Each structure stands twice: as C-alpha cells, then as structure tokens.
PDB file of all heavy atoms in Angstrom:
ATOM      1  N   ASN A   1      -4.770  14.070   7.920  1.00  0.00           N
ATOM      2  CA  ASN A   1      -3.680  13.216   7.380  1.00  0.00           C
ATOM      3  C   ASN A   1      -4.246  12.433   6.188  1.00  0.00           C
ATOM      4  O   ASN A   1      -4.314  11.195   6.197  1.00  0.00           O
ATOM      5  CB  ASN A   1      -3.216  12.249   8.471  1.00  0.00           C
ATOM      6  CG  ASN A   1      -1.957  11.446   8.048  1.00  0.00           C
ATOM      7  OD1 ASN A   1      -1.318  11.833   7.085  1.00  0.00           O
ATOM      8  ND2 ASN A   1      -1.676  10.360   8.753  1.00  0.00           N
ATOM      9  N   PRO A   2      -4.582  13.140   5.101  1.00  0.00           N
ATOM     10  CA  PRO A   2      -5.299  12.488   3.964  1.00  0.00           C
ATOM     11  C   PRO A   2      -4.453  11.471   3.181  1.00  0.00           C
ATOM     12  O   PRO A   2      -5.004  10.699   2.430  1.00  0.00           O
ATOM     13  CB  PRO A   2      -5.691  13.685   3.106  1.00  0.00           C
ATOM     14  CG  PRO A   2      -4.694  14.752   3.412  1.00  0.00           C
ATOM     15  CD  PRO A   2      -4.368  14.596   4.859  1.00  0.00           C
ATOM     16  N   ASP A   3      -3.131  11.445   3.400  1.00  0.00           N
ATOM     17  CA  ASP A   3      -2.299  10.425   2.707  1.00  0.00           C
ATOM     18  C   ASP A   3      -2.076   9.195   3.517  1.00  0.00           C
ATOM     19  O   ASP A   3      -1.354   8.290   3.087  1.00  0.00           O
ATOM     20  CB  ASP A   3      -0.939  11.058   2.352  1.00  0.00           C
ATOM     21  CG  ASP A   3      -1.016  12.055   1.174  1.00  0.00           C
ATOM     22  OD1 ASP A   3      -1.761  11.803   0.258  1.00  0.00           O
ATOM     23  OD2 ASP A   3      -0.339  13.101   1.253  1.00  0.00           O
ATOM     24  N   SER A   4      -2.761   9.099   4.664  1.00  0.00           N
ATOM     25  CA  SER A   4      -2.607   7.915   5.510  1.00  0.00           C
ATOM     26  C   SER A   4      -3.061   6.682   4.785  1.00  0.00           C
ATOM     27  O   SER A   4      -4.032   6.729   3.963  1.00  0.00           O
ATOM     28  CB  SER A   4      -3.413   8.095   6.800  1.00  0.00           C
ATOM     29  OG  SER A   4      -3.444   6.898   7.560  1.00  0.00           O
ATOM     30  N   ARG A   5      -2.442   5.549   5.106  1.00  0.00           N
ATOM     31  CA  ARG A   5      -2.870   4.251   4.572  1.00  0.00           C
ATOM     32  C   ARG A   5      -3.719   3.508   5.567  1.00  0.00           C
ATOM     33  O   ARG A   5      -3.967   2.310   5.443  1.00  0.00           O
ATOM     34  CB  ARG A   5      -1.619   3.396   4.141  1.00  0.00           C
ATOM     35  CG  ARG A   5      -0.854   4.029   2.983  1.00  0.00           C
ATOM     36  CD  ARG A   5       0.237   3.098   2.499  1.00  0.00           C
ATOM     37  NE  ARG A   5       1.289   2.961   3.463  1.00  0.00           N
ATOM     38  CZ  ARG A   5       2.371   3.760   3.537  1.00  0.00           C
ATOM     39  NH1 ARG A   5       2.507   4.775   2.701  1.00  0.00           N
ATOM     40  NH2 ARG A   5       3.289   3.558   4.469  1.00  0.00           N
ATOM     41  N   ARG A   6      -4.202   4.243   6.572  1.00  0.00           N
ATOM     42  CA  ARG A   6      -5.065   3.629   7.630  1.00  0.00           C
ATOM     43  C   ARG A   6      -6.459   4.208   7.592  1.00  0.00           C
ATOM     44  O   ARG A   6      -7.150   4.191   8.618  1.00  0.00           O
ATOM     45  CB  ARG A   6      -4.404   3.851   8.979  1.00  0.00           C
ATOM     46  CG  ARG A   6      -3.017   3.312   9.084  1.00  0.00           C
ATOM     47  CD  ARG A   6      -2.343   3.613  10.417  1.00  0.00           C
ATOM     48  NE  ARG A   6      -0.983   3.086  10.466  1.00  0.00           N
ATOM     49  CZ  ARG A   6      -0.154   3.226  11.506  1.00  0.00           C
ATOM     50  NH1 ARG A   6      -0.579   3.850  12.576  1.00  0.00           N
ATOM     51  NH2 ARG A   6       1.064   2.742  11.465  1.00  0.00           N
ATOM     52  N   LEU A   7      -6.897   4.685   6.452  1.00  0.00           N
ATOM     53  CA  LEU A   7      -8.233   5.305   6.331  1.00  0.00           C
ATOM     54  C   LEU A   7      -9.237   4.209   6.073  1.00  0.00           C
ATOM     55  O   LEU A   7      -9.714   3.979   4.971  1.00  0.00           O
ATOM     56  CB  LEU A   7      -8.209   6.312   5.193  1.00  0.00           C
ATOM     57  CG  LEU A   7      -7.159   7.450   5.341  1.00  0.00           C
ATOM     58  CD1 LEU A   7      -7.145   8.321   4.084  1.00  0.00           C
ATOM     59  CD2 LEU A   7      -7.506   8.325   6.573  1.00  0.00           C
ATOM     60  N   MET A   8      -9.606   3.468   7.130  1.00  0.00           N
ATOM     61  CA  MET A   8     -10.405   2.262   6.993  1.00  0.00           C
ATOM     62  C   MET A   8     -11.540   2.245   8.040  1.00  0.00           C
ATOM     63  O   MET A   8     -11.387   2.832   9.125  1.00  0.00           O
ATOM     64  CB  MET A   8      -9.557   1.021   7.160  1.00  0.00           C
ATOM     65  CG  MET A   8      -8.418   0.902   6.170  1.00  0.00           C
ATOM     66  SD  MET A   8      -7.297  -0.507   6.612  1.00  0.00           S
ATOM     67  CE  MET A   8      -8.414  -1.866   6.324  1.00  0.00           C
ATOM     68  N   VAL A   9     -12.614   1.533   7.741  1.00  0.00           N
ATOM     69  CA  VAL A   9     -13.705   1.274   8.689  1.00  0.00           C
ATOM     70  C   VAL A   9     -13.987  -0.256   8.568  1.00  0.00           C
ATOM     71  O   VAL A   9     -14.175  -0.784   7.487  1.00  0.00           O
ATOM     72  CB  VAL A   9     -14.965   2.086   8.359  1.00  0.00           C
ATOM     73  CG1 VAL A   9     -16.158   1.615   9.199  1.00  0.00           C
ATOM     74  CG2 VAL A   9     -14.701   3.560   8.607  1.00  0.00           C
ATOM     75  N   ASN A  10     -14.067  -0.904   9.729  1.00  0.00           N
ATOM     76  CA  ASN A  10     -14.244  -2.361   9.773  1.00  0.00           C
ATOM     77  C   ASN A  10     -15.507  -2.715  10.518  1.00  0.00           C
ATOM     78  O   ASN A  10     -15.740  -2.213  11.608  1.00  0.00           O
ATOM     79  CB  ASN A  10     -12.992  -2.955  10.460  1.00  0.00           C
ATOM     80  CG  ASN A  10     -12.935  -4.480  10.320  1.00  0.00           C
ATOM     81  OD1 ASN A  10     -13.792  -5.101   9.658  1.00  0.00           O
ATOM     82  ND2 ASN A  10     -11.933  -5.076  10.875  1.00  0.00           N
ATOM     83  N   ALA A  11     -16.317  -3.646   9.962  1.00  0.00           N
ATOM     84  CA  ALA A  11     -17.507  -4.098  10.650  1.00  0.00           C
ATOM     85  C   ALA A  11     -17.358  -5.504  11.123  1.00  0.00           C
ATOM     86  O   ALA A  11     -18.269  -6.017  11.756  1.00  0.00           O
ATOM     87  CB  ALA A  11     -18.725  -4.006   9.701  1.00  0.00           C
ATOM     88  N   TRP A  12     -16.253  -6.171  10.872  1.00  0.00           N
ATOM     89  CA  TRP A  12     -16.063  -7.596  11.213  1.00  0.00           C
ATOM     90  C   TRP A  12     -15.440  -7.667  12.590  1.00  0.00           C
ATOM     91  O   TRP A  12     -14.243  -7.800  12.717  1.00  0.00           O
ATOM     92  CB  TRP A  12     -15.183  -8.304  10.180  1.00  0.00           C
ATOM     93  CG  TRP A  12     -15.197  -9.784  10.316  1.00  0.00           C
ATOM     94  CD1 TRP A  12     -14.287 -10.566  10.927  1.00  0.00           C
ATOM     95  CD2 TRP A  12     -16.185 -10.703   9.793  1.00  0.00           C
ATOM     96  NE1 TRP A  12     -14.642 -11.872  10.847  1.00  0.00           N
ATOM     97  CE2 TRP A  12     -15.813 -11.984  10.179  1.00  0.00           C
ATOM     98  CE3 TRP A  12     -17.364 -10.510   9.076  1.00  0.00           C
ATOM     99  CZ2 TRP A  12     -16.559 -13.112   9.805  1.00  0.00           C
ATOM    100  CZ3 TRP A  12     -18.085 -11.653   8.717  1.00  0.00           C
ATOM    101  CH2 TRP A  12     -17.688 -12.903   9.106  1.00  0.00           C
ATOM    102  N   ASN A  13     -16.250  -7.542  13.636  1.00  0.00           N
ATOM    103  CA  ASN A  13     -15.813  -7.619  15.034  1.00  0.00           C
ATOM    104  C   ASN A  13     -15.950  -9.062  15.473  1.00  0.00           C
ATOM    105  O   ASN A  13     -17.041  -9.523  15.826  1.00  0.00           O
ATOM    106  CB  ASN A  13     -16.649  -6.686  15.859  1.00  0.00           C
ATOM    107  CG  ASN A  13     -16.172  -6.586  17.292  1.00  0.00           C
ATOM    108  OD1 ASN A  13     -15.480  -7.459  17.786  1.00  0.00           O
ATOM    109  ND2 ASN A  13     -16.533  -5.501  17.956  1.00  0.00           N
ATOM    110  N   VAL A  14     -14.829  -9.792  15.495  1.00  0.00           N
ATOM    111  CA  VAL A  14     -14.914 -11.257  15.780  1.00  0.00           C
ATOM    112  C   VAL A  14     -15.420 -11.545  17.190  1.00  0.00           C
ATOM    113  O   VAL A  14     -16.000 -12.604  17.415  1.00  0.00           O
ATOM    114  CB  VAL A  14     -13.535 -11.924  15.577  1.00  0.00           C
ATOM    115  CG1 VAL A  14     -13.097 -11.828  14.151  1.00  0.00           C
ATOM    116  CG2 VAL A  14     -12.495 -11.220  16.497  1.00  0.00           C
ATOM    117  N   GLY A  15     -15.309 -10.568  18.062  1.00  0.00           N
ATOM    118  CA  GLY A  15     -15.788 -10.768  19.479  1.00  0.00           C
ATOM    119  C   GLY A  15     -17.287 -10.664  19.591  1.00  0.00           C
ATOM    120  O   GLY A  15     -17.856 -11.013  20.631  1.00  0.00           O
ATOM    121  N   GLU A  16     -17.946 -10.165  18.551  1.00  0.00           N
ATOM    122  CA  GLU A  16     -19.403  -9.944  18.623  1.00  0.00           C
ATOM    123  C   GLU A  16     -20.194 -10.593  17.518  1.00  0.00           C
ATOM    124  O   GLU A  16     -21.394 -10.376  17.416  1.00  0.00           O
ATOM    125  CB  GLU A  16     -19.708  -8.397  18.629  1.00  0.00           C
ATOM    126  CG  GLU A  16     -19.165  -7.732  19.876  1.00  0.00           C
ATOM    127  CD  GLU A  16     -19.525  -6.225  19.961  1.00  0.00           C
ATOM    128  OE1 GLU A  16     -19.904  -5.607  18.882  1.00  0.00           O
ATOM    129  OE2 GLU A  16     -19.493  -5.662  21.039  1.00  0.00           O
ATOM    130  N   LEU A  17     -19.531 -11.359  16.660  1.00  0.00           N
ATOM    131  CA  LEU A  17     -20.231 -12.001  15.569  1.00  0.00           C
ATOM    132  C   LEU A  17     -21.419 -12.847  16.006  1.00  0.00           C
ATOM    133  O   LEU A  17     -22.461 -12.876  15.351  1.00  0.00           O
ATOM    134  CB  LEU A  17     -19.274 -12.879  14.716  1.00  0.00           C
ATOM    135  CG  LEU A  17     -18.198 -12.147  13.922  1.00  0.00           C
ATOM    136  CD1 LEU A  17     -17.321 -13.168  13.239  1.00  0.00           C
ATOM    137  CD2 LEU A  17     -18.795 -11.185  12.967  1.00  0.00           C
ATOM    138  N   ASP A  18     -21.247 -13.582  17.140  1.00  0.00           N
ATOM    139  CA  ASP A  18     -22.306 -14.475  17.540  1.00  0.00           C
ATOM    140  C   ASP A  18     -23.471 -13.712  18.157  1.00  0.00           C
ATOM    141  O   ASP A  18     -24.537 -14.322  18.424  1.00  0.00           O
ATOM    142  CB  ASP A  18     -21.775 -15.439  18.624  1.00  0.00           C
ATOM    143  CG  ASP A  18     -21.201 -14.810  19.840  1.00  0.00           C
ATOM    144  OD1 ASP A  18     -20.981 -13.547  19.878  1.00  0.00           O
ATOM    145  OD2 ASP A  18     -20.972 -15.501  20.839  1.00  0.00           O
ATOM    146  N   GLN A  19     -23.338 -12.399  18.353  1.00  0.00           N
ATOM    147  CA  GLN A  19     -24.460 -11.595  18.875  1.00  0.00           C
ATOM    148  C   GLN A  19     -25.249 -10.945  17.742  1.00  0.00           C
ATOM    149  O   GLN A  19     -26.289 -10.318  17.951  1.00  0.00           O
ATOM    150  CB  GLN A  19     -23.946 -10.540  19.822  1.00  0.00           C
ATOM    151  CG  GLN A  19     -23.149 -11.055  21.033  1.00  0.00           C
ATOM    152  CD  GLN A  19     -22.484  -9.927  21.787  1.00  0.00           C
ATOM    153  OE1 GLN A  19     -23.083  -8.917  22.032  1.00  0.00           O
ATOM    154  NE2 GLN A  19     -21.213 -10.132  22.156  1.00  0.00           N
ATOM    155  N   MET A  20     -24.734 -11.033  16.522  1.00  0.00           N
ATOM    156  CA  MET A  20     -25.386 -10.365  15.353  1.00  0.00           C
ATOM    157  C   MET A  20     -26.393 -11.288  14.705  1.00  0.00           C
ATOM    158  O   MET A  20     -26.186 -12.516  14.639  1.00  0.00           O
ATOM    159  CB  MET A  20     -24.323  -9.992  14.311  1.00  0.00           C
ATOM    160  CG  MET A  20     -23.185  -9.111  14.811  1.00  0.00           C
ATOM    161  SD  MET A  20     -21.958  -8.793  13.515  1.00  0.00           S
ATOM    162  CE  MET A  20     -20.659  -8.011  14.462  1.00  0.00           C
ATOM    163  N   VAL A  21     -27.509 -10.726  14.242  1.00  0.00           N
ATOM    164  CA  VAL A  21     -28.490 -11.487  13.547  1.00  0.00           C
ATOM    165  C   VAL A  21     -27.928 -12.068  12.258  1.00  0.00           C
ATOM    166  O   VAL A  21     -28.351 -13.136  11.786  1.00  0.00           O
ATOM    167  CB  VAL A  21     -29.739 -10.658  13.265  1.00  0.00           C
ATOM    168  CG1 VAL A  21     -29.513  -9.574  12.277  1.00  0.00           C
ATOM    169  CG2 VAL A  21     -30.919 -11.528  12.854  1.00  0.00           C
ATOM    170  N   LEU A  22     -26.951 -11.351  11.694  1.00  0.00           N
ATOM    171  CA  LEU A  22     -26.264 -11.820  10.486  1.00  0.00           C
ATOM    172  C   LEU A  22     -24.879 -11.188  10.455  1.00  0.00           C
ATOM    173  O   LEU A  22     -24.772  -9.956  10.544  1.00  0.00           O
ATOM    174  CB  LEU A  22     -27.025 -11.352   9.252  1.00  0.00           C
ATOM    175  CG  LEU A  22     -26.490 -11.830   7.865  1.00  0.00           C
ATOM    176  CD1 LEU A  22     -26.640 -13.302   7.712  1.00  0.00           C
ATOM    177  CD2 LEU A  22     -27.244 -11.099   6.739  1.00  0.00           C
ATOM    178  N   PRO A  23     -23.817 -11.991  10.374  1.00  0.00           N
ATOM    179  CA  PRO A  23     -22.472 -11.405  10.261  1.00  0.00           C
ATOM    180  C   PRO A  23     -22.372 -10.512   9.026  1.00  0.00           C
ATOM    181  O   PRO A  23     -23.075 -10.762   8.017  1.00  0.00           O
ATOM    182  CB  PRO A  23     -21.568 -12.631  10.109  1.00  0.00           C
ATOM    183  CG  PRO A  23     -22.349 -13.742  10.686  1.00  0.00           C
ATOM    184  CD  PRO A  23     -23.773 -13.471  10.366  1.00  0.00           C
ATOM    185  N   PRO A  24     -21.588  -9.475   9.032  1.00  0.00           N
ATOM    186  CA  PRO A  24     -21.522  -8.507   7.957  1.00  0.00           C
ATOM    187  C   PRO A  24     -21.186  -9.184   6.596  1.00  0.00           C
ATOM    188  O   PRO A  24     -20.188  -9.888   6.496  1.00  0.00           O
ATOM    189  CB  PRO A  24     -20.430  -7.522   8.354  1.00  0.00           C
ATOM    190  CG  PRO A  24     -20.337  -7.648   9.831  1.00  0.00           C
ATOM    191  CD  PRO A  24     -20.650  -9.086  10.134  1.00  0.00           C
ATOM    192  N   CYS A  25     -21.971  -8.958   5.600  1.00  0.00           N
ATOM    193  CA  CYS A  25     -21.664  -9.373   4.213  1.00  0.00           C
ATOM    194  C   CYS A  25     -20.614  -8.433   3.621  1.00  0.00           C
ATOM    195  O   CYS A  25     -19.654  -8.877   3.017  1.00  0.00           O
ATOM    196  CB  CYS A  25     -22.912  -9.455   3.348  1.00  0.00           C
ATOM    197  SG  CYS A  25     -24.092 -10.674   3.886  1.00  0.00           S
ATOM    198  N   HIS A  26     -20.850  -7.146   3.736  1.00  0.00           N
ATOM    199  CA  HIS A  26     -19.825  -6.177   3.364  1.00  0.00           C
ATOM    200  C   HIS A  26     -19.151  -5.729   4.644  1.00  0.00           C
ATOM    201  O   HIS A  26     -19.659  -5.032   5.472  1.00  0.00           O
ATOM    202  CB  HIS A  26     -20.445  -4.949   2.589  1.00  0.00           C
ATOM    203  CG  HIS A  26     -21.702  -4.411   3.191  1.00  0.00           C
ATOM    204  ND1 HIS A  26     -21.677  -3.246   3.942  1.00  0.00           N
ATOM    205  CD2 HIS A  26     -22.944  -4.799   3.151  1.00  0.00           C
ATOM    206  CE1 HIS A  26     -22.945  -2.963   4.332  1.00  0.00           C
ATOM    207  NE2 HIS A  26     -23.710  -3.900   3.861  1.00  0.00           N
ATOM    208  N   TYR A  27     -17.901  -6.218   4.848  1.00  0.00           N
ATOM    209  CA  TYR A  27     -17.317  -6.199   6.171  1.00  0.00           C
ATOM    210  C   TYR A  27     -16.330  -5.091   6.420  1.00  0.00           C
ATOM    211  O   TYR A  27     -15.804  -4.964   7.509  1.00  0.00           O
ATOM    212  CB  TYR A  27     -16.692  -7.559   6.478  1.00  0.00           C
ATOM    213  CG  TYR A  27     -15.556  -7.969   5.518  1.00  0.00           C
ATOM    214  CD1 TYR A  27     -14.261  -7.543   5.689  1.00  0.00           C
ATOM    215  CD2 TYR A  27     -15.864  -8.783   4.426  1.00  0.00           C
ATOM    216  CE1 TYR A  27     -13.250  -7.918   4.781  1.00  0.00           C
ATOM    217  CE2 TYR A  27     -14.889  -9.169   3.536  1.00  0.00           C
ATOM    218  CZ  TYR A  27     -13.559  -8.747   3.715  1.00  0.00           C
ATOM    219  OH  TYR A  27     -12.608  -9.113   2.838  1.00  0.00           O
ATOM    220  N   GLY A  28     -16.080  -4.268   5.408  1.00  0.00           N
ATOM    221  CA  GLY A  28     -15.134  -3.162   5.661  1.00  0.00           C
ATOM    222  C   GLY A  28     -14.918  -2.330   4.400  1.00  0.00           C
ATOM    223  O   GLY A  28     -15.253  -2.781   3.296  1.00  0.00           O
ATOM    224  N   PHE A  29     -14.417  -1.115   4.572  1.00  0.00           N
ATOM    225  CA  PHE A  29     -14.095  -0.312   3.424  1.00  0.00           C
ATOM    226  C   PHE A  29     -12.868   0.537   3.753  1.00  0.00           C
ATOM    227  O   PHE A  29     -12.566   0.836   4.916  1.00  0.00           O
ATOM    228  CB  PHE A  29     -15.270   0.551   2.963  1.00  0.00           C
ATOM    229  CG  PHE A  29     -15.723   1.631   3.920  1.00  0.00           C
ATOM    230  CD1 PHE A  29     -15.191   2.932   3.879  1.00  0.00           C
ATOM    231  CD2 PHE A  29     -16.695   1.354   4.851  1.00  0.00           C
ATOM    232  CE1 PHE A  29     -15.648   3.901   4.763  1.00  0.00           C
ATOM    233  CE2 PHE A  29     -17.166   2.316   5.735  1.00  0.00           C
ATOM    234  CZ  PHE A  29     -16.629   3.603   5.688  1.00  0.00           C
ATOM    235  N   GLN A  30     -12.196   0.997   2.691  1.00  0.00           N
ATOM    236  CA  GLN A  30     -11.002   1.809   2.784  1.00  0.00           C
ATOM    237  C   GLN A  30     -11.132   2.955   1.794  1.00  0.00           C
ATOM    238  O   GLN A  30     -11.692   2.779   0.708  1.00  0.00           O
ATOM    239  CB  GLN A  30      -9.758   0.982   2.469  1.00  0.00           C
ATOM    240  CG  GLN A  30      -8.412   1.741   2.534  1.00  0.00           C
ATOM    241  CD  GLN A  30      -7.220   0.840   2.273  1.00  0.00           C
ATOM    242  OE1 GLN A  30      -7.382  -0.387   2.103  1.00  0.00           O
ATOM    243  NE2 GLN A  30      -6.038   1.384   2.253  1.00  0.00           N
TER     244      GLN A  30
END
C-alpha cells in the first residue's frame, strides 16, 4: 500500500521514556 499516509516509524514511547538513558532526539520518521 505505497500510497498510504501511515508510513511512519515512531521512537517516542511515552510509557518508556523514563527507562531510556536518553529520550530520542530524532523521534520519528515518515
């Protein structure tokens, strides 16, 4: 489905930010 507008990857998981050594600086891409 190459015309989808949902072609995204997200690294900003709010439920796990406090477990990360550093919250993501680059937090997602489309």
